[in-house]
Structure formats: C-alpha cells, structure tokens
Amino acid sequence: MPESKPPATFVSDLRPSRVATVEGTVSELEAVREVETREGTTKKVRNGKLRDATGEISLVLWGSEVDLAQAGDRVRIIEGWVSDFRGRPQISLGRTGRLEKISAGPSSSGSR
C-alpha cells in the first residue's frame, strides 16, 4: 500500500478560521520573546514567515514549539490553525497541529 500524502494545500489557499496541512520553507524567524497571557502568566512566542511557490504567510510558534524549526528549514505543518491577525492570515499549530521538519536549512546544521 503506498504511503499516504497530506492534502496538497498551498500558502495562497490558506484562509482564516480553517485547519490546514501545508508544506513550505521557514523564510525567516524572529528572536524568541515572552508575552503576558490573559491569565497573567508569561509564554514564549516566536514569529516568522512560511513560504512556498505560491506565497508567504506569517508563522507563529508558541511555548515549546519555538525551537522546532530554524530559518531555511523545509517543514510540513499538519492540521495547523489559520487565523486572522490584524487583517492578514497567519498559521500556528493551534491545539492539535504539529510541525514536521522535512529538511534542515543551511543554518540548521552544526551547533546552535
């Protein structure tokens, strides 16, 4: 039986308030920072960009996710949550999504 592949969804197809599986390259990542939550605690967050041949979308990694990828990595986001932030779509792992690294970028090999 052939290995199943995720649905072919492209960055240009992503719309807010939907779950999506998409592959792309992490084209940039900002430094990890801490933000205060509504509950008064702090949580790590890291913003970046995910790009494929059709476009680019904002990527947001929360908590333990901030170390899952580096700029230049090719990744697959499975069941990521697409939301609207200030009028533009962004993707995060949400409650049930996960990130798989397909291949490491040139800056990912070696030491951290």
Protein backbone atom coordinates (compact mmCIF):
# COMPACT_ATOMS: atom_id res chain seq x y z
CA MET A 1 0.00 0.00 0.00
CA PRO A 2 1.51 3.39 -0.96
CA GLU A 3 2.32 5.89 1.77
CA SER A 4 -0.42 8.47 2.18
CA LYS A 5 0.44 12.08 1.47
CA PRO A 6 -1.09 15.12 3.12
CA PRO A 7 -3.56 17.16 1.09
CA ALA A 8 -1.91 19.48 -1.41
CA THR A 9 -2.65 22.85 0.12
CA PHE A 10 -0.61 25.87 -0.87
CA VAL A 11 0.07 29.03 1.10
CA SER A 12 -2.06 31.01 -1.35
CA ASP A 13 -5.04 28.74 -0.48
CA LEU A 14 -4.89 29.39 3.29
CA ARG A 15 -7.87 31.22 4.76
CA PRO A 16 -8.58 32.26 8.38
CA SER A 17 -10.72 30.08 10.67
CA ARG A 18 -9.64 26.86 8.98
CA VAL A 19 -7.37 23.92 9.77
CA ALA A 20 -4.78 23.23 7.07
CA THR A 21 -1.87 20.98 6.18
CA VAL A 22 0.81 22.81 4.22
CA GLU A 23 4.49 22.45 3.30
CA GLY A 24 6.94 25.29 2.92
CA THR A 25 10.26 26.81 3.87
CA VAL A 26 10.71 28.87 7.01
CA SER A 27 11.98 32.00 5.28
CA GLU A 28 12.66 33.99 8.45
CA LEU A 29 12.34 33.69 12.21
CA GLU A 30 12.48 36.44 14.80
CA ALA A 31 14.10 36.02 18.20
CA VAL A 32 12.12 34.22 20.90
CA ARG A 33 10.32 36.63 23.21
CA GLU A 34 7.98 36.33 26.16
CA VAL A 35 4.47 37.73 26.22
CA GLU A 36 1.99 38.03 29.05
CA THR A 37 -1.12 35.87 28.68
CA ARG A 38 -4.66 36.80 29.64
CA GLU A 39 -4.21 34.64 32.75
CA GLY A 40 -1.28 36.81 33.89
CA THR A 41 1.45 34.25 33.16
CA THR A 42 4.17 34.55 30.52
CA LYS A 43 4.64 32.37 27.47
CA LYS A 44 7.39 32.12 24.85
CA VAL A 45 6.47 33.14 21.31
CA ARG A 46 8.40 33.31 18.05
CA ASN A 47 7.16 34.93 14.85
CA GLY A 48 8.37 34.12 11.37
CA LYS A 49 7.35 33.52 7.77
CA LEU A 50 6.47 30.32 5.92
CA ARG A 51 6.92 30.44 2.14
CA ASP A 52 6.11 28.18 -0.77
CA ALA A 53 5.99 28.76 -4.53
CA THR A 54 2.58 30.47 -4.23
CA GLY A 55 3.26 32.99 -1.46
CA GLU A 56 4.16 33.68 2.15
CA ILE A 57 2.21 33.56 5.43
CA SER A 58 3.06 34.64 8.96
CA LEU A 59 4.07 31.73 11.19
CA VAL A 60 3.66 31.82 14.97
CA LEU A 61 5.26 29.28 17.29
CA TRP A 62 4.23 29.15 20.97
CA GLY A 63 5.81 27.67 24.11
CA SER A 64 7.89 24.56 23.45
CA GLU A 65 7.26 24.97 19.69
CA VAL A 66 9.73 27.90 19.44
CA ASP A 67 12.69 25.52 18.94
CA LEU A 68 11.06 23.19 16.38
CA ALA A 69 12.39 24.98 13.30
CA GLN A 70 15.07 27.37 12.14
CA ALA A 71 15.21 29.76 9.18
CA GLY A 72 15.81 27.80 5.99
CA ASP A 73 14.17 24.58 7.23
CA ARG A 74 11.65 22.90 4.95
CA VAL A 75 8.67 21.91 7.10
CA ARG A 76 5.22 20.37 6.94
CA ILE A 77 2.56 21.80 9.24
CA ILE A 78 -0.12 19.18 9.81
CA GLU A 79 -3.54 20.42 10.88
CA GLY A 80 -2.26 23.91 11.64
CA TRP A 81 -4.73 26.63 12.59
CA VAL A 82 -5.05 29.59 10.24
CA SER A 83 -6.25 32.75 11.96
CA ASP A 84 -6.61 36.41 11.13
CA PHE A 85 -4.19 38.81 12.82
CA ARG A 86 -4.58 42.50 12.00
CA GLY A 87 -6.28 41.71 8.71
CA ARG A 88 -3.72 39.17 7.50
CA PRO A 89 -3.74 35.37 7.72
CA GLN A 90 -1.24 33.62 9.98
CA ILE A 91 -0.67 29.96 10.78
CA SER A 92 0.14 28.35 14.11
CA LEU A 93 -0.01 24.79 15.40
CA GLY A 94 -3.10 25.61 17.43
CA ARG A 95 -4.32 22.95 19.86
CA THR A 96 -3.94 19.86 17.67
CA GLY A 97 -1.44 20.71 14.93
CA ARG A 98 2.13 19.52 14.62
CA LEU A 99 5.25 20.52 12.74
CA GLU A 100 7.48 18.02 10.93
CA LYS A 101 10.89 19.03 9.65
CA ILE A 102 11.32 17.72 6.08
CA SER A 103 14.87 19.01 5.64
CA ALA A 104 17.16 21.33 7.57
CA GLY A 105 18.20 24.65 6.15
CA PRO A 106 21.87 25.59 5.70
CA SER A 107 21.96 27.43 9.04
CA SER A 108 20.45 24.47 10.95
CA SER A 109 23.33 22.08 10.54
CA GLY A 110 26.03 22.17 13.18
CA SER A 111 25.94 23.89 16.54
CA ARG A 112 23.29 26.20 17.96
